[in-house]
Amino acid sequence: MVSLTDRLDGIVGGKAANLLDEVFGIRTVDGLLRHYPRSYIHGMRAWDEDEEPPEEGEHITLAGEIEKAEVRRSSRDRRREYMVVTLSQRRPRVTATFFNIKLLKHGLVPGTELRLSGEVGYFRGTMQLTHPEFLARDPRTGRIFGSKSLKTIADVSADQSDELFRSAFERDFYPIYSASAKLQSWDIYACVGQVLAVLDPVADPLPESVVRQRGLMPEDAALRAIHLA
């Protein structure tokens, strides 16, 4: 376990720690946890088929298993391939279209568990997500892979377990941090998650009687909650 005064390099690794120092001057656990989110996004709400279908243009997340995966060629340029996957047992029917599929076409196969996050469109009664963010689990090996931002969320813990995979999208909100080209918001999110996973309970600066009397959130709970841990 670690405390607020511990340096980050032994927790998040030298590369991430050096970038946090270079970009933000953050060197310790306390410094990282005081780098509060500047906003939160409501784009990860999981849509369930028992709900009313989302409106066109709405950003949603949904889960399913790939029923069919097809590699097609562009009608404009026959050399360009794209991939259309159909999720099983979904009403209305749900498809997702991916481009730059050189690596994807060997991973997104029938039976693969899939989480998709993207903007909804409709065509002939079919719900479509075009080049969405995704997180997938290979049914043959258990390997988890996906687009960078969502894969990073799933990799906050090094333990790629079923519980981790299934919990990756259980929240309605995700934090957005002040970031840079060298250090993206999801990179910071990953570092925060690693730190909070091993952080000792933080002592409250206020007397317990004051916290109770004023109905305040304890310091430890507040630090975790603001990062949505």
C-alpha atoms as a PDB file:
ATOM      1  CA  MET A   1       0.000   0.000   0.000  1.00  0.00           C
ATOM      2  CA  VAL A   2       1.070   3.613  -0.538  1.00  0.00           C
ATOM      3  CA  SER A   3       0.533   7.018   1.024  1.00  0.00           C
ATOM      4  CA  LEU A   4      -0.030  10.500  -0.397  1.00  0.00           C
ATOM      5  CA  THR A   5       3.642  11.406  -0.056  1.00  0.00           C
ATOM      6  CA  ASP A   6       4.964   8.460  -2.084  1.00  0.00           C
ATOM      7  CA  ARG A   7       6.546   9.084  -5.474  1.00  0.00           C
ATOM      8  CA  LEU A   8       4.691   7.907  -8.545  1.00  0.00           C
ATOM      9  CA  ASP A   9       7.469   6.140 -10.432  1.00  0.00           C
ATOM     10  CA  GLY A  10       7.216   3.037  -8.278  1.00  0.00           C
ATOM     11  CA  ILE A  11       3.448   2.842  -8.803  1.00  0.00           C
ATOM     12  CA  VAL A  12       2.591   3.882 -12.358  1.00  0.00           C
ATOM     13  CA  GLY A  13       5.982   3.135 -13.908  1.00  0.00           C
ATOM     14  CA  GLY A  14       8.864   5.362 -14.935  1.00  0.00           C
ATOM     15  CA  LYS A  15       7.524   6.392 -18.347  1.00  0.00           C
ATOM     16  CA  ALA A  16       4.143   7.603 -17.074  1.00  0.00           C
ATOM     17  CA  ALA A  17       5.718   9.213 -13.999  1.00  0.00           C
ATOM     18  CA  ASN A  18       8.217  11.126 -16.148  1.00  0.00           C
ATOM     19  CA  LEU A  19       5.442  12.427 -18.403  1.00  0.00           C
ATOM     20  CA  LEU A  20       3.338  13.539 -15.431  1.00  0.00           C
ATOM     21  CA  ASP A  21       6.375  15.399 -14.093  1.00  0.00           C
ATOM     22  CA  GLU A  22       7.273  16.911 -17.469  1.00  0.00           C
ATOM     23  CA  VAL A  23       3.773  18.058 -18.423  1.00  0.00           C
ATOM     24  CA  PHE A  24       2.221  18.962 -15.063  1.00  0.00           C
ATOM     25  CA  GLY A  25       5.038  18.924 -12.504  1.00  0.00           C
ATOM     26  CA  ILE A  26       3.289  16.041 -10.731  1.00  0.00           C
ATOM     27  CA  ARG A  27       5.665  13.769  -8.821  1.00  0.00           C
ATOM     28  CA  THR A  28       3.709  12.324  -5.901  1.00  0.00           C
ATOM     29  CA  VAL A  29       0.491  10.450  -5.235  1.00  0.00           C
ATOM     30  CA  ASP A  30      -0.977  13.564  -3.633  1.00  0.00           C
ATOM     31  CA  GLY A  31      -0.097  15.672  -6.661  1.00  0.00           C
ATOM     32  CA  LEU A  32      -1.826  13.251  -9.011  1.00  0.00           C
ATOM     33  CA  LEU A  33      -4.975  12.938  -6.930  1.00  0.00           C
ATOM     34  CA  ARG A  34      -5.202  16.755  -6.682  1.00  0.00           C
ATOM     35  CA  HIS A  35      -5.169  16.903 -10.481  1.00  0.00           C
ATOM     36  CA  TYR A  36      -8.954  16.894 -10.446  1.00  0.00           C
ATOM     37  CA  PRO A  37     -11.141  16.196 -13.473  1.00  0.00           C
ATOM     38  CA  ARG A  38     -12.114  19.391 -15.281  1.00  0.00           C
ATOM     39  CA  SER A  39     -15.399  17.846 -16.425  1.00  0.00           C
ATOM     40  CA  TYR A  40     -17.268  14.591 -16.835  1.00  0.00           C
ATOM     41  CA  ILE A  41     -18.803  13.007 -19.903  1.00  0.00           C
ATOM     42  CA  HIS A  42     -22.160  11.290 -20.048  1.00  0.00           C
ATOM     43  CA  GLY A  43     -21.391   9.178 -23.053  1.00  0.00           C
ATOM     44  CA  MET A  44     -20.950   5.769 -21.567  1.00  0.00           C
ATOM     45  CA  ARG A  45     -24.519   4.987 -20.598  1.00  0.00           C
ATOM     46  CA  ALA A  46     -25.224   1.390 -21.470  1.00  0.00           C
ATOM     47  CA  TRP A  47     -28.339   1.049 -23.589  1.00  0.00           C
ATOM     48  CA  ASP A  48     -30.508  -1.933 -22.831  1.00  0.00           C
ATOM     49  CA  GLU A  49     -32.917  -3.270 -25.425  1.00  0.00           C
ATOM     50  CA  ASP A  50     -35.753  -3.063 -22.888  1.00  0.00           C
ATOM     51  CA  GLU A  51     -35.446   0.727 -23.086  1.00  0.00           C
ATOM     52  CA  GLU A  52     -36.792   2.967 -25.806  1.00  0.00           C
ATOM     53  CA  PRO A  53     -34.381   2.968 -28.777  1.00  0.00           C
ATOM     54  CA  PRO A  54     -31.950   5.915 -28.589  1.00  0.00           C
ATOM     55  CA  GLU A  55     -32.399   8.848 -30.914  1.00  0.00           C
ATOM     56  CA  GLU A  56     -30.224   9.259 -33.983  1.00  0.00           C
ATOM     57  CA  GLY A  57     -27.038  11.107 -33.044  1.00  0.00           C
ATOM     58  CA  GLU A  58     -27.179  10.021 -29.384  1.00  0.00           C
ATOM     59  CA  HIS A  59     -23.921   8.639 -27.966  1.00  0.00           C
ATOM     60  CA  ILE A  60     -24.458   5.284 -26.298  1.00  0.00           C
ATOM     61  CA  THR A  61     -22.646   2.211 -25.096  1.00  0.00           C
ATOM     62  CA  LEU A  62     -24.042  -1.260 -25.579  1.00  0.00           C
ATOM     63  CA  ALA A  63     -22.875  -4.798 -25.021  1.00  0.00           C
ATOM     64  CA  GLY A  64     -23.371  -7.976 -26.968  1.00  0.00           C
ATOM     65  CA  GLU A  65     -21.850 -10.926 -28.732  1.00  0.00           C
ATOM     66  CA  ILE A  66     -20.852 -10.895 -32.375  1.00  0.00           C
ATOM     67  CA  GLU A  67     -23.239 -13.030 -34.405  1.00  0.00           C
ATOM     68  CA  LYS A  68     -21.811 -12.247 -37.829  1.00  0.00           C
ATOM     69  CA  ALA A  69     -18.676 -10.490 -39.083  1.00  0.00           C
ATOM     70  CA  GLU A  70     -18.320  -9.556 -42.745  1.00  0.00           C
ATOM     71  CA  VAL A  71     -15.404  -8.002 -44.596  1.00  0.00           C
ATOM     72  CA  ARG A  72     -16.637  -5.892 -47.499  1.00  0.00           C
ATOM     73  CA  ARG A  73     -15.054  -3.760 -50.199  1.00  0.00           C
ATOM     74  CA  SER A  74     -15.833  -0.117 -50.823  1.00  0.00           C
ATOM     75  CA  SER A  75     -17.942   0.502 -53.920  1.00  0.00           C
ATOM     76  CA  ARG A  76     -15.816   3.569 -54.646  1.00  0.00           C
ATOM     77  CA  ASP A  77     -12.443   1.899 -54.223  1.00  0.00           C
ATOM     78  CA  ARG A  78     -12.369  -1.890 -54.439  1.00  0.00           C
ATOM     79  CA  ARG A  79      -8.979  -1.951 -52.756  1.00  0.00           C
ATOM     80  CA  ARG A  80     -10.429  -0.524 -49.551  1.00  0.00           C
ATOM     81  CA  GLU A  81     -11.924  -2.974 -47.108  1.00  0.00           C
ATOM     82  CA  TYR A  82     -14.223  -2.338 -44.189  1.00  0.00           C
ATOM     83  CA  MET A  83     -15.878  -4.624 -41.683  1.00  0.00           C
ATOM     84  CA  VAL A  84     -19.484  -4.901 -40.531  1.00  0.00           C
ATOM     85  CA  VAL A  85     -20.304  -6.858 -37.380  1.00  0.00           C
ATOM     86  CA  THR A  86     -23.806  -7.761 -36.256  1.00  0.00           C
ATOM     87  CA  LEU A  87     -24.637  -8.282 -32.592  1.00  0.00           C
ATOM     88  CA  SER A  88     -26.698 -11.336 -31.703  1.00  0.00           C
ATOM     89  CA  GLN A  89     -30.168 -11.288 -30.161  1.00  0.00           C
ATOM     90  CA  ARG A  90     -30.682  -7.541 -30.476  1.00  0.00           C
ATOM     91  CA  ARG A  91     -33.943  -5.857 -31.399  1.00  0.00           C
ATOM     92  CA  PRO A  92     -33.744  -3.576 -33.248  1.00  0.00           C
ATOM     93  CA  ARG A  93     -30.886  -5.153 -35.166  1.00  0.00           C
ATOM     94  CA  VAL A  94     -27.515  -3.591 -34.301  1.00  0.00           C
ATOM     95  CA  THR A  95     -24.470  -3.379 -36.561  1.00  0.00           C
ATOM     96  CA  ALA A  96     -21.101  -1.690 -36.181  1.00  0.00           C
ATOM     97  CA  THR A  97     -18.853  -0.674 -39.069  1.00  0.00           C
ATOM     98  CA  PHE A  98     -15.069  -0.503 -38.763  1.00  0.00           C
ATOM     99  CA  PHE A  99     -12.413   0.847 -41.102  1.00  0.00           C
ATOM    100  CA  ASN A 100      -8.622   0.277 -41.007  1.00  0.00           C
ATOM    101  CA  ILE A 101      -9.367  -3.369 -40.337  1.00  0.00           C
ATOM    102  CA  LYS A 102      -6.012  -5.026 -41.029  1.00  0.00           C
ATOM    103  CA  LEU A 103      -5.740  -6.239 -37.439  1.00  0.00           C
ATOM    104  CA  LEU A 104      -9.413  -6.222 -36.510  1.00  0.00           C
ATOM    105  CA  LYS A 105     -10.643  -8.769 -39.027  1.00  0.00           C
ATOM    106  CA  HIS A 106      -8.761 -11.558 -37.259  1.00  0.00           C
ATOM    107  CA  GLY A 107     -10.038 -10.548 -33.811  1.00  0.00           C
ATOM    108  CA  LEU A 108     -13.660  -9.532 -34.301  1.00  0.00           C
ATOM    109  CA  VAL A 109     -15.064 -12.964 -35.038  1.00  0.00           C
ATOM    110  CA  PRO A 110     -18.427 -14.577 -34.218  1.00  0.00           C
ATOM    111  CA  GLY A 111     -18.691 -15.336 -30.512  1.00  0.00           C
ATOM    112  CA  THR A 112     -16.514 -12.402 -29.441  1.00  0.00           C
ATOM    113  CA  GLU A 113     -17.918 -10.410 -26.509  1.00  0.00           C
ATOM    114  CA  LEU A 114     -18.080  -6.761 -27.438  1.00  0.00           C
ATOM    115  CA  ARG A 115     -18.689  -3.392 -25.825  1.00  0.00           C
ATOM    116  CA  LEU A 116     -19.328  -0.531 -28.223  1.00  0.00           C
ATOM    117  CA  SER A 117     -19.425   3.199 -27.538  1.00  0.00           C
ATOM    118  CA  GLY A 118     -20.399   5.555 -30.321  1.00  0.00           C
ATOM    119  CA  GLU A 119     -22.977   7.687 -32.086  1.00  0.00           C
ATOM    120  CA  VAL A 120     -26.193   6.048 -33.197  1.00  0.00           C
ATOM    121  CA  GLY A 121     -27.484   6.094 -36.748  1.00  0.00           C
ATOM    122  CA  TYR A 122     -30.315   4.195 -38.416  1.00  0.00           C
ATOM    123  CA  PHE A 123     -30.679   2.640 -41.860  1.00  0.00           C
ATOM    124  CA  ARG A 124     -33.715   0.597 -42.905  1.00  0.00           C
ATOM    125  CA  GLY A 125     -34.616  -0.125 -39.302  1.00  0.00           C
ATOM    126  CA  THR A 126     -31.117  -1.236 -38.321  1.00  0.00           C
ATOM    127  CA  MET A 127     -29.271   0.615 -35.563  1.00  0.00           C
ATOM    128  CA  GLN A 128     -25.754   1.437 -36.748  1.00  0.00           C
ATOM    129  CA  LEU A 129     -22.582   2.612 -35.043  1.00  0.00           C
ATOM    130  CA  THR A 130     -19.843   3.731 -37.422  1.00  0.00           C
ATOM    131  CA  HIS A 131     -16.236   3.190 -36.321  1.00  0.00           C
ATOM    132  CA  PRO A 132     -17.157   3.208 -32.620  1.00  0.00           C
ATOM    133  CA  GLU A 133     -14.807   2.921 -29.690  1.00  0.00           C
ATOM    134  CA  PHE A 134     -14.812  -0.717 -28.661  1.00  0.00           C
ATOM    135  CA  LEU A 135     -13.614  -3.245 -26.126  1.00  0.00           C
ATOM    136  CA  ALA A 136     -13.611  -6.948 -26.985  1.00  0.00           C
ATOM    137  CA  ARG A 137     -12.728 -10.286 -25.458  1.00  0.00           C
ATOM    138  CA  ASP A 138     -11.492 -13.104 -27.658  1.00  0.00           C
ATOM    139  CA  PRO A 139     -13.576 -16.205 -26.787  1.00  0.00           C
ATOM    140  CA  ARG A 140     -10.722 -18.518 -27.765  1.00  0.00           C
ATOM    141  CA  THR A 141      -7.967 -17.055 -25.596  1.00  0.00           C
ATOM    142  CA  GLY A 142      -9.683 -14.665 -23.172  1.00  0.00           C
ATOM    143  CA  ARG A 143      -7.471 -11.838 -24.482  1.00  0.00           C
ATOM    144  CA  ILE A 144      -8.936  -8.356 -24.090  1.00  0.00           C
ATOM    145  CA  PHE A 145      -8.287  -5.829 -26.834  1.00  0.00           C
ATOM    146  CA  GLY A 146      -9.864  -2.662 -28.139  1.00  0.00           C
ATOM    147  CA  SER A 147      -9.515   0.928 -29.248  1.00  0.00           C
ATOM    148  CA  LYS A 148      -6.963   2.915 -27.289  1.00  0.00           C
ATOM    149  CA  SER A 149      -9.111   4.933 -24.899  1.00  0.00           C
ATOM    150  CA  LEU A 150     -11.386   2.090 -23.858  1.00  0.00           C
ATOM    151  CA  LYS A 151      -8.578  -0.467 -23.700  1.00  0.00           C
ATOM    152  CA  THR A 152      -6.760   1.876 -21.327  1.00  0.00           C
ATOM    153  CA  ILE A 153      -9.827   2.020 -19.098  1.00  0.00           C
ATOM    154  CA  ALA A 154      -9.895  -1.777 -18.958  1.00  0.00           C
ATOM    155  CA  ASP A 155      -6.162  -1.899 -18.277  1.00  0.00           C
ATOM    156  CA  VAL A 156      -6.311   0.287 -15.158  1.00  0.00           C
ATOM    157  CA  SER A 157      -5.826  -3.002 -13.345  1.00  0.00           C
ATOM    158  CA  ALA A 158      -3.221  -5.423 -14.666  1.00  0.00           C
ATOM    159  CA  ASP A 159      -5.609  -8.249 -13.862  1.00  0.00           C
ATOM    160  CA  GLN A 160      -7.629  -8.759 -17.033  1.00  0.00           C
ATOM    161  CA  SER A 161     -10.390 -10.664 -15.340  1.00  0.00           C
ATOM    162  CA  ASP A 162     -14.016 -11.292 -16.232  1.00  0.00           C
ATOM    163  CA  GLU A 163     -15.010  -8.881 -13.475  1.00  0.00           C
ATOM    164  CA  LEU A 164     -12.809  -6.148 -14.919  1.00  0.00           C
ATOM    165  CA  PHE A 165     -14.142  -6.672 -18.427  1.00  0.00           C
ATOM    166  CA  ARG A 166     -17.756  -6.597 -17.334  1.00  0.00           C
ATOM    167  CA  SER A 167     -17.301  -3.559 -15.096  1.00  0.00           C
ATOM    168  CA  ALA A 168     -15.469  -1.412 -17.652  1.00  0.00           C
ATOM    169  CA  PHE A 169     -18.662   0.347 -18.732  1.00  0.00           C
ATOM    170  CA  GLU A 170     -20.900   0.106 -15.697  1.00  0.00           C
ATOM    171  CA  ARG A 171     -20.818   3.820 -14.940  1.00  0.00           C
ATOM    172  CA  ASP A 172     -22.810   6.610 -16.540  1.00  0.00           C
ATOM    173  CA  PHE A 173     -19.961   9.131 -16.266  1.00  0.00           C
ATOM    174  CA  TYR A 174     -16.233   9.221 -16.882  1.00  0.00           C
ATOM    175  CA  PRO A 175     -13.807  11.976 -15.841  1.00  0.00           C
ATOM    176  CA  ILE A 176     -12.061  14.259 -18.325  1.00  0.00           C
ATOM    177  CA  TYR A 177      -8.689  15.653 -17.181  1.00  0.00           C
ATOM    178  CA  SER A 178      -6.641  18.588 -18.356  1.00  0.00           C
ATOM    179  CA  ALA A 179      -4.245  16.841 -20.709  1.00  0.00           C
ATOM    180  CA  SER A 180      -1.765  17.356 -23.525  1.00  0.00           C
ATOM    181  CA  ALA A 181      -0.691  15.702 -26.760  1.00  0.00           C
ATOM    182  CA  LYS A 182       1.906  13.740 -24.783  1.00  0.00           C
ATOM    183  CA  LEU A 183      -0.427  12.741 -21.970  1.00  0.00           C
ATOM    184  CA  GLN A 184      -4.053  12.109 -22.873  1.00  0.00           C
ATOM    185  CA  SER A 185      -6.986  12.200 -20.471  1.00  0.00           C
ATOM    186  CA  TRP A 186      -7.366   8.415 -20.541  1.00  0.00           C
ATOM    187  CA  ASP A 187      -3.664   8.025 -19.681  1.00  0.00           C
ATOM    188  CA  ILE A 188      -4.207  10.144 -16.582  1.00  0.00           C
ATOM    189  CA  TYR A 189      -7.337   8.152 -15.769  1.00  0.00           C
ATOM    190  CA  ALA A 190      -5.300   4.953 -15.917  1.00  0.00           C
ATOM    191  CA  CYS A 191      -2.622   6.354 -13.595  1.00  0.00           C
ATOM    192  CA  VAL A 192      -5.235   7.562 -11.113  1.00  0.00           C
ATOM    193  CA  GLY A 193      -6.845   4.126 -11.123  1.00  0.00           C
ATOM    194  CA  GLN A 194      -3.536   2.408 -10.444  1.00  0.00           C
ATOM    195  CA  VAL A 195      -2.838   4.741  -7.534  1.00  0.00           C
ATOM    196  CA  LEU A 196      -6.272   4.456  -5.944  1.00  0.00           C
ATOM    197  CA  ALA A 197      -6.098   0.666  -6.115  1.00  0.00           C
ATOM    198  CA  VAL A 198      -3.146   0.616  -3.696  1.00  0.00           C
ATOM    199  CA  LEU A 199      -3.710   3.805  -1.685  1.00  0.00           C
ATOM    200  CA  ASP A 200      -3.906   3.516   2.098  1.00  0.00           C
ATOM    201  CA  PRO A 201      -6.975   5.157   3.670  1.00  0.00           C
ATOM    202  CA  VAL A 202      -6.373   8.906   3.747  1.00  0.00           C
ATOM    203  CA  ALA A 203      -6.568  10.543   7.165  1.00  0.00           C
ATOM    204  CA  ASP A 204      -9.199  13.244   7.443  1.00  0.00           C
ATOM    205  CA  PRO A 205      -7.880  16.771   8.172  1.00  0.00           C
ATOM    206  CA  LEU A 206     -11.034  17.609  10.148  1.00  0.00           C
ATOM    207  CA  PRO A 207     -12.085  16.162  13.495  1.00  0.00           C
ATOM    208  CA  GLU A 208     -14.534  13.290  13.120  1.00  0.00           C
ATOM    209  CA  SER A 209     -17.114  15.201  15.170  1.00  0.00           C
ATOM    210  CA  VAL A 210     -17.055  18.095  12.687  1.00  0.00           C
ATOM    211  CA  VAL A 211     -17.401  15.732   9.728  1.00  0.00           C
ATOM    212  CA  ARG A 212     -20.442  14.088  11.317  1.00  0.00           C
ATOM    213  CA  GLN A 213     -22.027  17.331  12.504  1.00  0.00           C
ATOM    214  CA  ARG A 214     -21.725  19.011   9.107  1.00  0.00           C
ATOM    215  CA  GLY A 215     -22.617  15.905   7.136  1.00  0.00           C
ATOM    216  CA  LEU A 216     -19.340  16.106   5.223  1.00  0.00           C
ATOM    217  CA  MET A 217     -17.794  13.392   3.120  1.00  0.00           C
ATOM    218  CA  PRO A 218     -14.573  12.043   4.640  1.00  0.00           C
ATOM    219  CA  GLU A 219     -11.382  13.029   2.818  1.00  0.00           C
ATOM    220  CA  ASP A 220     -10.646   9.474   1.697  1.00  0.00           C
ATOM    221  CA  ALA A 221     -14.110   8.979   0.218  1.00  0.00           C
ATOM    222  CA  ALA A 222     -14.072  12.411  -1.428  1.00  0.00           C
ATOM    223  CA  LEU A 223     -10.717  11.825  -3.130  1.00  0.00           C
ATOM    224  CA  ARG A 224     -11.950   8.562  -4.585  1.00  0.00           C
ATOM    225  CA  ALA A 225     -15.372   9.862  -5.552  1.00  0.00           C
ATOM    226  CA  ILE A 226     -14.120  12.889  -7.493  1.00  0.00           C
ATOM    227  CA  HIS A 227     -12.186  10.524  -9.762  1.00  0.00           C
ATOM    228  CA  LEU A 228     -15.222   8.209  -9.880  1.00  0.00           C
ATOM    229  CA  ALA A 229     -13.296   5.326  -8.366  1.00  0.00           C
END
